[in-house]
Amino acid sequence: DSERKLYSKNNFQQFFIGYDGVCIVVSKQ
């Protein structure tokens, strides 16, 4: 919200297009 308020005068918009994937791995051991 603070970023949206700070940059609102610059026609700043957000568009959701997907998720950021995170992969968790453990060693073979």
PDB file of all heavy atoms in Angstrom:
ATOM      1  N   ASP A   1       0.827  -1.204   0.000  1.00  0.00           N
ATOM      2  CA  ASP A   1       0.000   0.000   0.000  1.00  0.00           C
ATOM      3  C   ASP A   1       0.861   1.255   0.000  1.00  0.00           C
ATOM      4  O   ASP A   1       0.542   2.244  -0.661  1.00  0.00           O
ATOM      5  CB  ASP A   1      -0.946   0.008   1.200  1.00  0.00           C
ATOM      6  CG  ASP A   1      -2.080  -0.999   1.067  1.00  0.00           C
ATOM      7  OD1 ASP A   1      -2.374  -1.426  -0.076  1.00  0.00           O
ATOM      8  OD2 ASP A   1      -2.659  -1.371   2.104  1.00  0.00           O
ATOM      9  N   SER A   2       1.969   1.228   0.746  1.00  0.00           N
ATOM     10  CA  SER A   2       2.851   2.400   0.813  1.00  0.00           C
ATOM     11  C   SER A   2       3.473   2.701  -0.555  1.00  0.00           C
ATOM     12  O   SER A   2       3.625   3.863  -0.932  1.00  0.00           O
ATOM     13  CB  SER A   2       3.954   2.183   1.851  1.00  0.00           C
ATOM     14  OG  SER A   2       4.738   1.048   1.523  1.00  0.00           O
ATOM     15  N   GLU A   3       3.814   1.643  -1.325  1.00  0.00           N
ATOM     16  CA  GLU A   3       4.371   1.836  -2.669  1.00  0.00           C
ATOM     17  C   GLU A   3       3.305   2.369  -3.623  1.00  0.00           C
ATOM     18  O   GLU A   3       3.556   3.263  -4.425  1.00  0.00           O
ATOM     19  CB  GLU A   3       4.934   0.522  -3.208  1.00  0.00           C
ATOM     20  CG  GLU A   3       6.135   0.038  -2.430  1.00  0.00           C
ATOM     21  CD  GLU A   3       6.489  -1.410  -2.687  1.00  0.00           C
ATOM     22  OE1 GLU A   3       5.584  -2.223  -2.997  1.00  0.00           O
ATOM     23  OE2 GLU A   3       7.678  -1.739  -2.570  1.00  0.00           O
ATOM     24  N   ARG A   4       2.119   1.810  -3.520  1.00  0.00           N
ATOM     25  CA  ARG A   4       1.013   2.262  -4.366  1.00  0.00           C
ATOM     26  C   ARG A   4       0.737   3.751  -4.125  1.00  0.00           C
ATOM     27  O   ARG A   4       0.555   4.522  -5.070  1.00  0.00           O
ATOM     28  CB  ARG A   4      -0.236   1.433  -4.079  1.00  0.00           C
ATOM     29  CG  ARG A   4      -1.349   1.603  -5.075  1.00  0.00           C
ATOM     30  CD  ARG A   4      -2.540   0.708  -4.775  1.00  0.00           C
ATOM     31  NE  ARG A   4      -2.221  -0.673  -4.462  1.00  0.00           N
ATOM     32  CZ  ARG A   4      -1.942  -1.622  -5.360  1.00  0.00           C
ATOM     33  NH1 ARG A   4      -1.922  -1.325  -6.629  1.00  0.00           N
ATOM     34  NH2 ARG A   4      -1.693  -2.854  -4.983  1.00  0.00           N
ATOM     35  N   LYS A   5       0.723   4.153  -2.867  1.00  0.00           N
ATOM     36  CA  LYS A   5       0.473   5.554  -2.517  1.00  0.00           C
ATOM     37  C   LYS A   5       1.616   6.442  -3.008  1.00  0.00           C
ATOM     38  O   LYS A   5       1.386   7.511  -3.577  1.00  0.00           O
ATOM     39  CB  LYS A   5       0.308   5.693  -1.000  1.00  0.00           C
ATOM     40  CG  LYS A   5       0.003   7.082  -0.537  1.00  0.00           C
ATOM     41  CD  LYS A   5      -0.213   7.143   0.965  1.00  0.00           C
ATOM     42  CE  LYS A   5      -0.475   8.562   1.418  1.00  0.00           C
ATOM     43  NZ  LYS A   5      -0.648   8.663   2.862  1.00  0.00           N
ATOM     44  N   LEU A   6       2.846   5.984  -2.814  1.00  0.00           N
ATOM     45  CA  LEU A   6       4.025   6.764  -3.196  1.00  0.00           C
ATOM     46  C   LEU A   6       4.077   7.030  -4.698  1.00  0.00           C
ATOM     47  O   LEU A   6       4.425   8.124  -5.139  1.00  0.00           O
ATOM     48  CB  LEU A   6       5.298   6.029  -2.744  1.00  0.00           C
ATOM     49  CG  LEU A   6       6.633   6.690  -3.043  1.00  0.00           C
ATOM     50  CD1 LEU A   6       6.760   8.024  -2.310  1.00  0.00           C
ATOM     51  CD2 LEU A   6       7.771   5.755  -2.637  1.00  0.00           C
ATOM     52  N   TYR A   7       3.709   6.028  -5.498  1.00  0.00           N
ATOM     53  CA  TYR A   7       3.848   6.150  -6.950  1.00  0.00           C
ATOM     54  C   TYR A   7       2.528   6.375  -7.685  1.00  0.00           C
ATOM     55  O   TYR A   7       2.491   6.356  -8.916  1.00  0.00           O
ATOM     56  CB  TYR A   7       4.538   4.900  -7.505  1.00  0.00           C
ATOM     57  CG  TYR A   7       5.904   4.662  -6.901  1.00  0.00           C
ATOM     58  CD1 TYR A   7       6.208   3.459  -6.279  1.00  0.00           C
ATOM     59  CD2 TYR A   7       6.880   5.652  -6.933  1.00  0.00           C
ATOM     60  CE1 TYR A   7       7.458   3.243  -5.714  1.00  0.00           C
ATOM     61  CE2 TYR A   7       8.128   5.447  -6.372  1.00  0.00           C
ATOM     62  CZ  TYR A   7       8.414   4.237  -5.766  1.00  0.00           C
ATOM     63  OH  TYR A   7       9.641   4.036  -5.209  1.00  0.00           O
ATOM     64  N   SER A   8       1.447   6.613  -6.982  1.00  0.00           N
ATOM     65  CA  SER A   8       0.131   6.746  -7.617  1.00  0.00           C
ATOM     66  C   SER A   8       0.088   7.921  -8.598  1.00  0.00           C
ATOM     67  O   SER A   8      -0.611   7.848  -9.610  1.00  0.00           O
ATOM     68  CB  SER A   8      -0.963   6.896  -6.563  1.00  0.00           C
ATOM     69  OG  SER A   8      -0.759   8.088  -5.827  1.00  0.00           O
ATOM     70  N   LYS A   9       0.845   8.965  -8.371  1.00  0.00           N
ATOM     71  CA  LYS A   9       0.823  10.135  -9.255  1.00  0.00           C
ATOM     72  C   LYS A   9       1.482   9.842 -10.607  1.00  0.00           C
ATOM     73  O   LYS A   9       1.306  10.592 -11.564  1.00  0.00           O
ATOM     74  CB  LYS A   9       1.504  11.322  -8.579  1.00  0.00           C
ATOM     75  CG  LYS A   9       2.996  11.115  -8.326  1.00  0.00           C
ATOM     76  CD  LYS A   9       3.606  12.317  -7.610  1.00  0.00           C
ATOM     77  CE  LYS A   9       5.084  12.137  -7.386  1.00  0.00           C
ATOM     78  NZ  LYS A   9       5.412  11.317  -6.231  1.00  0.00           N
ATOM     79  N   ASN A  10       2.216   8.739 -10.707  1.00  0.00           N
ATOM     80  CA  ASN A  10       2.928   8.392 -11.940  1.00  0.00           C
ATOM     81  C   ASN A  10       2.174   7.367 -12.774  1.00  0.00           C
ATOM     82  O   ASN A  10       2.782   6.681 -13.592  1.00  0.00           O
ATOM     83  CB  ASN A  10       4.328   7.852 -11.611  1.00  0.00           C
ATOM     84  CG  ASN A  10       5.189   8.884 -10.922  1.00  0.00           C
ATOM     85  OD1 ASN A  10       4.894  10.065 -10.970  1.00  0.00           O
ATOM     86  ND2 ASN A  10       6.243   8.447 -10.278  1.00  0.00           N
ATOM     87  N   ASN A  11       0.858   7.235 -12.566  1.00  0.00           N
ATOM     88  CA  ASN A  11       0.061   6.253 -13.293  1.00  0.00           C
ATOM     89  C   ASN A  11       0.622   4.841 -13.109  1.00  0.00           C
ATOM     90  O   ASN A  11       0.691   4.059 -14.049  1.00  0.00           O
ATOM     91  CB  ASN A  11      -0.040   6.617 -14.778  1.00  0.00           C
ATOM     92  CG  ASN A  11      -1.188   5.898 -15.451  1.00  0.00           C
ATOM     93  OD1 ASN A  11      -2.167   5.522 -14.803  1.00  0.00           O
ATOM     94  ND2 ASN A  11      -1.072   5.694 -16.743  1.00  0.00           N
ATOM     95  N   PHE A  12       1.041   4.547 -11.923  1.00  0.00           N
ATOM     96  CA  PHE A  12       1.656   3.264 -11.562  1.00  0.00           C
ATOM     97  C   PHE A  12       0.559   2.229 -11.372  1.00  0.00           C
ATOM     98  O   PHE A  12      -0.375   2.439 -10.623  1.00  0.00           O
ATOM     99  CB  PHE A  12       2.438   3.477 -10.260  1.00  0.00           C
ATOM    100  CG  PHE A  12       3.250   2.310  -9.804  1.00  0.00           C
ATOM    101  CD1 PHE A  12       4.362   1.898 -10.511  1.00  0.00           C
ATOM    102  CD2 PHE A  12       2.920   1.636  -8.647  1.00  0.00           C
ATOM    103  CE1 PHE A  12       5.137   0.845 -10.070  1.00  0.00           C
ATOM    104  CE2 PHE A  12       3.686   0.574  -8.196  1.00  0.00           C
ATOM    105  CZ  PHE A  12       4.797   0.184  -8.914  1.00  0.00           C
ATOM    106  N   GLN A  13       0.662   1.085 -12.081  1.00  0.00           N
ATOM    107  CA  GLN A  13      -0.355   0.050 -12.000  1.00  0.00           C
ATOM    108  C   GLN A  13       0.286  -1.312 -11.840  1.00  0.00           C
ATOM    109  O   GLN A  13       1.417  -1.532 -12.257  1.00  0.00           O
ATOM    110  CB  GLN A  13      -1.206   0.045 -13.273  1.00  0.00           C
ATOM    111  CG  GLN A  13      -1.988   1.313 -13.478  1.00  0.00           C
ATOM    112  CD  GLN A  13      -2.805   1.242 -14.738  1.00  0.00           C
ATOM    113  OE1 GLN A  13      -3.366   0.202 -15.057  1.00  0.00           O
ATOM    114  NE2 GLN A  13      -2.887   2.344 -15.456  1.00  0.00           N
ATOM    115  N   GLN A  14      -0.470  -2.226 -11.258  1.00  0.00           N
ATOM    116  CA  GLN A  14      -0.024  -3.605 -11.079  1.00  0.00           C
ATOM    117  C   GLN A  14      -0.923  -4.528 -11.885  1.00  0.00           C
ATOM    118  O   GLN A  14      -2.139  -4.392 -11.869  1.00  0.00           O
ATOM    119  CB  GLN A  14      -0.110  -3.982  -9.597  1.00  0.00           C
ATOM    120  CG  GLN A  14       0.139  -5.449  -9.324  1.00  0.00           C
ATOM    121  CD  GLN A  14       0.054  -5.765  -7.836  1.00  0.00           C
ATOM    122  OE1 GLN A  14       0.974  -5.499  -7.110  1.00  0.00           O
ATOM    123  NE2 GLN A  14      -1.076  -6.311  -7.417  1.00  0.00           N
ATOM    124  N   PHE A  15      -0.306  -5.488 -12.599  1.00  0.00           N
ATOM    125  CA  PHE A  15      -1.039  -6.487 -13.354  1.00  0.00           C
ATOM    126  C   PHE A  15      -0.524  -7.856 -12.959  1.00  0.00           C
ATOM    127  O   PHE A  15       0.655  -8.152 -13.139  1.00  0.00           O
ATOM    128  CB  PHE A  15      -0.855  -6.292 -14.871  1.00  0.00           C
ATOM    129  CG  PHE A  15      -1.356  -4.967 -15.364  1.00  0.00           C
ATOM    130  CD1 PHE A  15      -0.490  -3.896 -15.489  1.00  0.00           C
ATOM    131  CD2 PHE A  15      -2.692  -4.791 -15.680  1.00  0.00           C
ATOM    132  CE1 PHE A  15      -0.938  -2.671 -15.935  1.00  0.00           C
ATOM    133  CE2 PHE A  15      -3.152  -3.562 -16.126  1.00  0.00           C
ATOM    134  CZ  PHE A  15      -2.274  -2.497 -16.256  1.00  0.00           C
ATOM    135  N   PHE A  16      -1.384  -8.690 -12.420  1.00  0.00           N
ATOM    136  CA  PHE A  16      -1.010 -10.051 -12.029  1.00  0.00           C
ATOM    137  C   PHE A  16      -1.006 -10.934 -13.270  1.00  0.00           C
ATOM    138  O   PHE A  16      -1.989 -10.997 -13.997  1.00  0.00           O
ATOM    139  CB  PHE A  16      -1.994 -10.604 -10.995  1.00  0.00           C
ATOM    140  CG  PHE A  16      -1.692 -12.022 -10.619  1.00  0.00           C
ATOM    141  CD1 PHE A  16      -0.686 -12.310  -9.722  1.00  0.00           C
ATOM    142  CD2 PHE A  16      -2.394 -13.059 -11.204  1.00  0.00           C
ATOM    143  CE1 PHE A  16      -0.395 -13.617  -9.406  1.00  0.00           C
ATOM    144  CE2 PHE A  16      -2.113 -14.374 -10.888  1.00  0.00           C
ATOM    145  CZ  PHE A  16      -1.106 -14.651  -9.977  1.00  0.00           C
ATOM    146  N   ILE A  17       0.127 -11.626 -13.515  1.00  0.00           N
ATOM    147  CA  ILE A  17       0.192 -12.532 -14.674  1.00  0.00           C
ATOM    148  C   ILE A  17       0.597 -13.951 -14.304  1.00  0.00           C
ATOM    149  O   ILE A  17       0.545 -14.834 -15.134  1.00  0.00           O
ATOM    150  CB  ILE A  17       1.134 -11.996 -15.768  1.00  0.00           C
ATOM    151  CG1 ILE A  17       2.556 -11.850 -15.226  1.00  0.00           C
ATOM    152  CG2 ILE A  17       0.613 -10.697 -16.337  1.00  0.00           C
ATOM    153  CD1 ILE A  17       3.585 -11.587 -16.292  1.00  0.00           C
ATOM    154  N   GLY A  18       1.012 -14.199 -13.069  1.00  0.00           N
ATOM    155  CA  GLY A  18       1.390 -15.554 -12.691  1.00  0.00           C
ATOM    156  C   GLY A  18       2.023 -15.603 -11.318  1.00  0.00           C
ATOM    157  O   GLY A  18       2.155 -14.592 -10.642  1.00  0.00           O
ATOM    158  N   TYR A  19       2.391 -16.795 -10.926  1.00  0.00           N
ATOM    159  CA  TYR A  19       3.030 -17.029  -9.632  1.00  0.00           C
ATOM    160  C   TYR A  19       4.529 -17.242  -9.798  1.00  0.00           C
ATOM    161  O   TYR A  19       4.981 -17.763 -10.818  1.00  0.00           O
ATOM    162  CB  TYR A  19       2.443 -18.273  -8.955  1.00  0.00           C
ATOM    163  CG  TYR A  19       1.054 -18.069  -8.404  1.00  0.00           C
ATOM    164  CD1 TYR A  19      -0.050 -18.558  -9.085  1.00  0.00           C
ATOM    165  CD2 TYR A  19       0.856 -17.390  -7.215  1.00  0.00           C
ATOM    166  CE1 TYR A  19      -1.326 -18.370  -8.584  1.00  0.00           C
ATOM    167  CE2 TYR A  19      -0.414 -17.196  -6.712  1.00  0.00           C
ATOM    168  CZ  TYR A  19      -1.500 -17.694  -7.398  1.00  0.00           C
ATOM    169  OH  TYR A  19      -2.756 -17.507  -6.905  1.00  0.00           O
ATOM    170  N   ASP A  20       5.273 -16.885  -8.780  1.00  0.00           N
ATOM    171  CA  ASP A  20       6.710 -17.121  -8.703  1.00  0.00           C
ATOM    172  C   ASP A  20       6.905 -18.513  -8.110  1.00  0.00           C
ATOM    173  O   ASP A  20       6.434 -18.782  -7.010  1.00  0.00           O
ATOM    174  CB  ASP A  20       7.338 -16.051  -7.794  1.00  0.00           C
ATOM    175  CG  ASP A  20       8.837 -16.108  -7.735  1.00  0.00           C
ATOM    176  OD1 ASP A  20       9.457 -16.782  -8.568  1.00  0.00           O
ATOM    177  OD2 ASP A  20       9.406 -15.457  -6.838  1.00  0.00           O
ATOM    178  N   GLY A  21       7.534 -19.405  -8.822  1.00  0.00           N
ATOM    179  CA  GLY A  21       7.741 -20.770  -8.336  1.00  0.00           C
ATOM    180  C   GLY A  21       8.965 -20.882  -7.443  1.00  0.00           C
ATOM    181  O   GLY A  21       9.975 -20.226  -7.664  1.00  0.00           O
ATOM    182  N   VAL A  22       8.852 -21.695  -6.426  1.00  0.00           N
ATOM    183  CA  VAL A  22       9.964 -21.959  -5.519  1.00  0.00           C
ATOM    184  C   VAL A  22      10.143 -23.462  -5.434  1.00  0.00           C
ATOM    185  O   VAL A  22       9.177 -24.197  -5.216  1.00  0.00           O
ATOM    186  CB  VAL A  22       9.689 -21.379  -4.105  1.00  0.00           C
ATOM    187  CG1 VAL A  22      10.819 -21.728  -3.154  1.00  0.00           C
ATOM    188  CG2 VAL A  22       9.487 -19.884  -4.171  1.00  0.00           C
ATOM    189  N   CYS A  23      11.348 -23.924  -5.618  1.00  0.00           N
ATOM    190  CA  CYS A  23      11.644 -25.354  -5.559  1.00  0.00           C
ATOM    191  C   CYS A  23      12.493 -25.631  -4.322  1.00  0.00           C
ATOM    192  O   CYS A  23      13.503 -24.967  -4.098  1.00  0.00           O
ATOM    193  CB  CYS A  23      12.394 -25.770  -6.823  1.00  0.00           C
ATOM    194  SG  CYS A  23      12.828 -27.504  -6.848  1.00  0.00           S
ATOM    195  N   ILE A  24      12.074 -26.580  -3.530  1.00  0.00           N
ATOM    196  CA  ILE A  24      12.803 -26.958  -2.332  1.00  0.00           C
ATOM    197  C   ILE A  24      13.457 -28.314  -2.587  1.00  0.00           C
ATOM    198  O   ILE A  24      12.785 -29.256  -3.018  1.00  0.00           O
ATOM    199  CB  ILE A  24      11.852 -27.069  -1.111  1.00  0.00           C
ATOM    200  CG1 ILE A  24      11.026 -25.792  -0.945  1.00  0.00           C
ATOM    201  CG2 ILE A  24      12.631 -27.414   0.143  1.00  0.00           C
ATOM    202  CD1 ILE A  24      11.819 -24.526  -0.789  1.00  0.00           C
ATOM    203  N   VAL A  25      14.740 -28.409  -2.354  1.00  0.00           N
ATOM    204  CA  VAL A  25      15.455 -29.667  -2.549  1.00  0.00           C
ATOM    205  C   VAL A  25      16.245 -30.002  -1.286  1.00  0.00           C
ATOM    206  O   VAL A  25      16.621 -29.116  -0.523  1.00  0.00           O
ATOM    207  CB  VAL A  25      16.413 -29.619  -3.768  1.00  0.00           C
ATOM    208  CG1 VAL A  25      15.646 -29.405  -5.045  1.00  0.00           C
ATOM    209  CG2 VAL A  25      17.455 -28.532  -3.601  1.00  0.00           C
ATOM    210  N   VAL A  26      16.462 -31.285  -1.064  1.00  0.00           N
ATOM    211  CA  VAL A  26      17.334 -31.738   0.020  1.00  0.00           C
ATOM    212  C   VAL A  26      18.413 -32.623  -0.601  1.00  0.00           C
ATOM    213  O   VAL A  26      18.225 -33.180  -1.682  1.00  0.00           O
ATOM    214  CB  VAL A  26      16.574 -32.514   1.121  1.00  0.00           C
ATOM    215  CG1 VAL A  26      15.545 -31.623   1.792  1.00  0.00           C
ATOM    216  CG2 VAL A  26      15.935 -33.767   0.583  1.00  0.00           C
ATOM    217  N   SER A  27      19.522 -32.733   0.091  1.00  0.00           N
ATOM    218  CA  SER A  27      20.609 -33.571  -0.413  1.00  0.00           C
ATOM    219  C   SER A  27      20.191 -35.035  -0.420  1.00  0.00           C
ATOM    220  O   SER A  27      19.268 -35.448   0.292  1.00  0.00           O
ATOM    221  CB  SER A  27      21.852 -33.397   0.467  1.00  0.00           C
ATOM    222  OG  SER A  27      21.614 -33.943   1.750  1.00  0.00           O
ATOM    223  N   LYS A  28      20.865 -35.833  -1.213  1.00  0.00           N
ATOM    224  CA  LYS A  28      20.602 -37.270  -1.277  1.00  0.00           C
ATOM    225  C   LYS A  28      20.778 -37.900   0.098  1.00  0.00           C
ATOM    226  O   LYS A  28      20.003 -38.775   0.503  1.00  0.00           O
ATOM    227  CB  LYS A  28      21.530 -37.929  -2.297  1.00  0.00           C
ATOM    228  CG  LYS A  28      21.285 -39.417  -2.468  1.00  0.00           C
ATOM    229  CD  LYS A  28      22.133 -39.973  -3.594  1.00  0.00           C
ATOM    230  CE  LYS A  28      22.012 -41.446  -3.851  1.00  0.00           C
ATOM    231  NZ  LYS A  28      21.117 -42.261  -3.128  1.00  0.00           N
ATOM    232  N   GLN A  29      21.774 -37.446   0.841  1.00  0.00           N
ATOM    233  CA  GLN A  29      22.040 -37.981   2.181  1.00  0.00           C
ATOM    234  C   GLN A  29      20.835 -37.776   3.102  1.00  0.00           C
ATOM    235  O   GLN A  29      20.420 -38.700   3.806  1.00  0.00           O
ATOM    236  CB  GLN A  29      23.271 -37.299   2.777  1.00  0.00           C
ATOM    237  CG  GLN A  29      23.573 -37.705   4.194  1.00  0.00           C
ATOM    238  CD  GLN A  29      24.714 -36.887   4.805  1.00  0.00           C
ATOM    239  OE1 GLN A  29      25.235 -35.959   4.194  1.00  0.00           O
ATOM    240  NE2 GLN A  29      25.084 -37.233   6.018  1.00  0.00           N
TER     241      GLN A  29
END
